[in-house]
Amino acid sequence: MGTIIKPIITERLTEEAETQNRYGFVVDQKANKLEIKSAVEEMYGVSVRSVNTMNYLGKPKSRYSKSTIMKGRTANYKKAIVTLADGEEIDFYSNV
């Protein structure tokens, strides 16, 4: 489970999963599309038609404390949108 870190479950991606058969995952930043495709097929037992990836940079954040302003960043991450073949689906809630 080194390539796929976690699935993304948002309102928008849930709607895309129902209508367009597309699912989102947070993946390892060094993973390429072929590695992501094979990891999803192995983990969920489905056939993947295409993979789209996007890199997100962390945003700068700051907050005030009693004495100073504390500055930092949120983490960088890579997101993959996986389109499955017709008739395939992933059920994230099967073991809940």
N, C-alpha and C. Protein backbone atom coordinates (compact mmCIF):
# COMPACT_ATOMS: atom_id res chain seq x y z
N MET A 1 0.83 -1.18 0.00
CA MET A 1 0.00 0.00 0.00
C MET A 1 0.88 1.24 0.00
N GLY A 2 2.02 1.18 -0.63
CA GLY A 2 2.91 2.30 -0.66
C GLY A 2 2.51 3.35 -1.67
N THR A 3 1.88 2.94 -2.77
CA THR A 3 1.53 3.89 -3.82
C THR A 3 0.28 4.68 -3.47
N ILE A 4 -0.76 4.00 -3.03
CA ILE A 4 -2.01 4.66 -2.68
C ILE A 4 -2.00 4.96 -1.19
N ILE A 5 -2.16 6.22 -0.83
CA ILE A 5 -2.15 6.61 0.57
C ILE A 5 -3.56 6.53 1.15
N LYS A 6 -4.55 7.17 0.49
CA LYS A 6 -5.93 7.10 0.96
C LYS A 6 -6.87 7.54 -0.15
N PRO A 7 -8.11 7.07 -0.11
CA PRO A 7 -9.10 7.56 -1.07
C PRO A 7 -9.61 8.94 -0.66
N ILE A 8 -10.05 9.70 -1.65
CA ILE A 8 -10.63 11.01 -1.38
C ILE A 8 -12.15 10.85 -1.48
N ILE A 9 -12.83 11.12 -0.38
CA ILE A 9 -14.29 10.99 -0.35
C ILE A 9 -14.87 12.36 -0.09
N THR A 10 -15.24 13.05 -1.16
CA THR A 10 -15.88 14.36 -1.05
C THR A 10 -17.21 14.29 -1.77
N GLU A 11 -17.99 15.33 -1.63
CA GLU A 11 -19.30 15.36 -2.28
C GLU A 11 -19.15 15.34 -3.80
N ARG A 12 -18.19 16.09 -4.31
CA ARG A 12 -17.99 16.17 -5.76
C ARG A 12 -17.52 14.83 -6.33
N LEU A 13 -16.53 14.19 -5.68
CA LEU A 13 -16.02 12.92 -6.20
C LEU A 13 -17.02 11.79 -6.01
N THR A 14 -17.88 11.87 -5.00
CA THR A 14 -18.93 10.87 -4.84
C THR A 14 -19.93 10.97 -5.99
N GLU A 15 -20.25 12.18 -6.40
CA GLU A 15 -21.15 12.36 -7.55
C GLU A 15 -20.50 11.88 -8.84
N GLU A 16 -19.20 12.17 -9.02
CA GLU A 16 -18.50 11.69 -10.21
C GLU A 16 -18.41 10.16 -10.24
N ALA A 17 -18.28 9.55 -9.07
CA ALA A 17 -18.22 8.09 -9.01
C ALA A 17 -19.55 7.49 -9.45
N GLU A 18 -20.64 8.14 -9.09
CA GLU A 18 -21.96 7.63 -9.46
C GLU A 18 -22.28 7.86 -10.93
N THR A 19 -21.85 8.99 -11.48
CA THR A 19 -22.24 9.33 -12.85
C THR A 19 -21.19 8.98 -13.89
N GLN A 20 -19.90 9.27 -13.60
CA GLN A 20 -18.86 9.09 -14.62
C GLN A 20 -17.88 7.97 -14.31
N ASN A 21 -18.08 7.26 -13.18
CA ASN A 21 -17.23 6.14 -12.81
C ASN A 21 -15.78 6.57 -12.56
N ARG A 22 -15.60 7.72 -11.88
CA ARG A 22 -14.27 8.27 -11.58
C ARG A 22 -14.09 8.34 -10.07
N TYR A 23 -12.92 7.94 -9.60
CA TYR A 23 -12.61 7.91 -8.18
C TYR A 23 -11.31 8.66 -7.92
N GLY A 24 -11.18 9.28 -6.75
CA GLY A 24 -10.00 10.06 -6.41
C GLY A 24 -9.20 9.41 -5.30
N PHE A 25 -7.87 9.53 -5.39
CA PHE A 25 -6.97 8.98 -4.40
C PHE A 25 -5.83 9.96 -4.15
N VAL A 26 -5.36 10.03 -2.90
CA VAL A 26 -4.10 10.69 -2.59
C VAL A 26 -3.03 9.62 -2.75
N VAL A 27 -2.02 9.91 -3.57
CA VAL A 27 -1.00 8.91 -3.90
C VAL A 27 0.39 9.44 -3.54
N ASP A 28 1.36 8.54 -3.59
CA ASP A 28 2.75 8.90 -3.34
C ASP A 28 3.21 9.89 -4.40
N GLN A 29 3.99 10.90 -3.99
CA GLN A 29 4.40 11.95 -4.93
C GLN A 29 5.32 11.43 -6.02
N LYS A 30 6.02 10.33 -5.78
CA LYS A 30 6.95 9.80 -6.77
C LYS A 30 6.30 8.77 -7.69
N ALA A 31 5.04 8.42 -7.46
CA ALA A 31 4.36 7.40 -8.26
C ALA A 31 3.96 7.97 -9.61
N ASN A 32 4.11 7.14 -10.66
CA ASN A 32 3.66 7.56 -11.99
C ASN A 32 2.32 6.90 -12.30
N LYS A 33 1.76 7.20 -13.46
CA LYS A 33 0.42 6.74 -13.80
C LYS A 33 0.34 5.23 -13.92
N LEU A 34 1.38 4.58 -14.43
CA LEU A 34 1.37 3.13 -14.56
C LEU A 34 1.39 2.45 -13.19
N GLU A 35 2.16 2.98 -12.26
CA GLU A 35 2.19 2.43 -10.91
C GLU A 35 0.86 2.60 -10.21
N ILE A 36 0.22 3.76 -10.39
CA ILE A 36 -1.08 4.02 -9.78
C ILE A 36 -2.12 3.08 -10.36
N LYS A 37 -2.09 2.89 -11.66
CA LYS A 37 -3.05 2.00 -12.31
C LYS A 37 -2.92 0.58 -11.79
N SER A 38 -1.71 0.07 -11.71
CA SER A 38 -1.53 -1.31 -11.24
C SER A 38 -1.89 -1.44 -9.77
N ALA A 39 -1.62 -0.41 -8.96
CA ALA A 39 -1.95 -0.47 -7.53
C ALA A 39 -3.46 -0.50 -7.32
N VAL A 40 -4.22 0.30 -8.06
CA VAL A 40 -5.67 0.32 -7.93
C VAL A 40 -6.26 -1.01 -8.40
N GLU A 41 -5.75 -1.53 -9.52
CA GLU A 41 -6.26 -2.80 -10.03
C GLU A 41 -5.98 -3.94 -9.05
N GLU A 42 -4.81 -3.93 -8.42
CA GLU A 42 -4.46 -4.98 -7.47
C GLU A 42 -5.25 -4.85 -6.17
N MET A 43 -5.41 -3.62 -5.67
CA MET A 43 -6.05 -3.42 -4.38
C MET A 43 -7.56 -3.65 -4.43
N TYR A 44 -8.23 -3.19 -5.49
CA TYR A 44 -9.68 -3.24 -5.54
C TYR A 44 -10.21 -4.27 -6.53
N GLY A 45 -9.36 -4.89 -7.34
CA GLY A 45 -9.81 -5.92 -8.28
C GLY A 45 -10.69 -5.38 -9.39
N VAL A 46 -10.37 -4.23 -9.92
CA VAL A 46 -11.13 -3.61 -11.00
C VAL A 46 -10.19 -3.34 -12.18
N SER A 47 -10.75 -3.04 -13.35
CA SER A 47 -9.92 -2.66 -14.49
C SER A 47 -10.00 -1.15 -14.69
N VAL A 48 -8.83 -0.53 -14.80
CA VAL A 48 -8.72 0.93 -14.90
C VAL A 48 -8.58 1.32 -16.36
N ARG A 49 -9.38 2.31 -16.78
CA ARG A 49 -9.31 2.79 -18.15
C ARG A 49 -8.29 3.91 -18.29
N SER A 50 -8.28 4.89 -17.37
CA SER A 50 -7.32 5.99 -17.46
C SER A 50 -7.03 6.55 -16.08
N VAL A 51 -5.87 7.24 -15.99
CA VAL A 51 -5.43 7.86 -14.74
C VAL A 51 -5.00 9.29 -15.05
N ASN A 52 -5.53 10.24 -14.30
CA ASN A 52 -5.10 11.63 -14.39
C ASN A 52 -4.51 12.02 -13.04
N THR A 53 -3.36 12.71 -13.07
CA THR A 53 -2.70 13.09 -11.82
C THR A 53 -2.52 14.60 -11.76
N MET A 54 -2.44 15.10 -10.52
CA MET A 54 -2.17 16.51 -10.30
C MET A 54 -1.40 16.69 -9.01
N ASN A 55 -0.43 17.58 -9.02
CA ASN A 55 0.39 17.88 -7.85
C ASN A 55 -0.13 19.15 -7.19
N TYR A 56 -0.29 19.10 -5.88
CA TYR A 56 -0.74 20.25 -5.11
C TYR A 56 0.40 20.72 -4.22
N LEU A 57 0.68 22.01 -4.24
CA LEU A 57 1.68 22.60 -3.35
C LEU A 57 1.00 23.00 -2.04
N GLY A 58 1.74 22.89 -0.95
CA GLY A 58 1.20 23.28 0.35
C GLY A 58 1.01 24.78 0.44
N LYS A 59 0.01 25.18 1.18
CA LYS A 59 -0.28 26.61 1.34
C LYS A 59 0.44 27.15 2.57
N PRO A 60 0.91 28.39 2.49
CA PRO A 60 1.51 28.99 3.69
C PRO A 60 0.41 29.34 4.70
N LYS A 61 0.69 29.07 5.96
CA LYS A 61 -0.27 29.35 7.04
C LYS A 61 0.45 30.14 8.13
N SER A 62 -0.27 30.98 8.84
CA SER A 62 0.29 31.70 9.98
C SER A 62 -0.80 31.89 11.01
N ARG A 63 -0.37 31.94 12.27
CA ARG A 63 -1.31 32.20 13.35
C ARG A 63 -0.59 33.00 14.42
N TYR A 64 -1.37 33.69 15.21
CA TYR A 64 -0.81 34.56 16.25
C TYR A 64 -0.83 33.83 17.58
N SER A 65 0.29 33.92 18.29
CA SER A 65 0.35 33.42 19.66
C SER A 65 0.54 34.63 20.58
N LYS A 66 0.78 34.39 21.86
CA LYS A 66 0.93 35.52 22.79
C LYS A 66 2.14 36.37 22.47
N SER A 67 3.23 35.72 22.02
CA SER A 67 4.46 36.49 21.85
C SER A 67 4.87 36.68 20.40
N THR A 68 4.59 35.74 19.51
CA THR A 68 5.07 35.85 18.12
C THR A 68 4.01 35.41 17.13
N ILE A 69 4.35 35.58 15.89
CA ILE A 69 3.54 35.04 14.80
C ILE A 69 4.20 33.73 14.38
N MET A 70 3.44 32.65 14.41
CA MET A 70 3.97 31.34 14.04
C MET A 70 3.65 31.09 12.57
N LYS A 71 4.67 30.77 11.78
CA LYS A 71 4.48 30.54 10.35
C LYS A 71 4.81 29.10 10.02
N GLY A 72 4.12 28.58 9.02
CA GLY A 72 4.36 27.20 8.57
C GLY A 72 3.70 26.97 7.24
N ARG A 73 3.67 25.71 6.81
CA ARG A 73 3.06 25.32 5.55
C ARG A 73 2.27 24.04 5.74
N THR A 74 1.23 23.86 4.94
CA THR A 74 0.57 22.57 4.88
C THR A 74 1.38 21.68 3.95
N ALA A 75 1.13 20.40 4.00
CA ALA A 75 1.94 19.44 3.25
C ALA A 75 1.60 19.45 1.76
N ASN A 76 2.61 19.18 0.92
CA ASN A 76 2.38 18.96 -0.51
C ASN A 76 1.81 17.56 -0.68
N TYR A 77 1.00 17.36 -1.73
CA TYR A 77 0.48 16.03 -2.01
C TYR A 77 0.16 15.88 -3.49
N LYS A 78 -0.01 14.64 -3.92
CA LYS A 78 -0.35 14.33 -5.30
C LYS A 78 -1.69 13.62 -5.30
N LYS A 79 -2.56 14.04 -6.20
CA LYS A 79 -3.90 13.48 -6.30
C LYS A 79 -4.05 12.78 -7.64
N ALA A 80 -4.70 11.62 -7.63
CA ALA A 80 -4.95 10.87 -8.86
C ALA A 80 -6.45 10.67 -9.02
N ILE A 81 -6.95 10.95 -10.21
CA ILE A 81 -8.34 10.68 -10.56
C ILE A 81 -8.32 9.47 -11.49
N VAL A 82 -8.95 8.38 -11.06
CA VAL A 82 -8.91 7.11 -11.78
C VAL A 82 -10.28 6.87 -12.40
N THR A 83 -10.30 6.65 -13.72
CA THR A 83 -11.53 6.31 -14.43
C THR A 83 -11.55 4.81 -14.65
N LEU A 84 -12.62 4.16 -14.21
CA LEU A 84 -12.74 2.71 -14.35
C LEU A 84 -13.46 2.34 -15.63
N ALA A 85 -13.30 1.09 -16.04
CA ALA A 85 -13.99 0.58 -17.22
C ALA A 85 -15.49 0.51 -16.94
N ASP A 86 -16.29 0.43 -17.99
CA ASP A 86 -17.74 0.36 -17.83
C ASP A 86 -18.13 -0.91 -17.07
N GLY A 87 -19.07 -0.76 -16.15
CA GLY A 87 -19.54 -1.89 -15.36
C GLY A 87 -18.74 -2.16 -14.10
N GLU A 88 -17.64 -1.46 -13.89
CA GLU A 88 -16.80 -1.63 -12.69
C GLU A 88 -17.16 -0.56 -11.67
N GLU A 89 -16.99 -0.87 -10.39
CA GLU A 89 -17.19 0.14 -9.34
C GLU A 89 -16.39 -0.27 -8.11
N ILE A 90 -16.08 0.73 -7.29
CA ILE A 90 -15.36 0.53 -6.03
C ILE A 90 -16.30 0.92 -4.90
N ASP A 91 -16.45 0.03 -3.91
CA ASP A 91 -17.29 0.32 -2.75
C ASP A 91 -16.37 0.56 -1.56
N PHE A 92 -16.20 1.84 -1.19
CA PHE A 92 -15.33 2.20 -0.07
C PHE A 92 -15.97 1.85 1.28
N TYR A 93 -17.28 1.70 1.33
CA TYR A 93 -17.98 1.50 2.59
C TYR A 93 -18.34 0.05 2.85
N SER A 94 -17.75 -0.90 2.13
CA SER A 94 -18.14 -2.30 2.26
C SER A 94 -17.71 -2.91 3.60
N ASN A 95 -16.59 -2.45 4.17
CA ASN A 95 -16.13 -3.06 5.41
C ASN A 95 -16.33 -2.17 6.63
N VAL A 96 -17.23 -1.20 6.52
CA VAL A 96 -17.49 -0.30 7.65
C VAL A 96 -18.56 -0.89 8.54
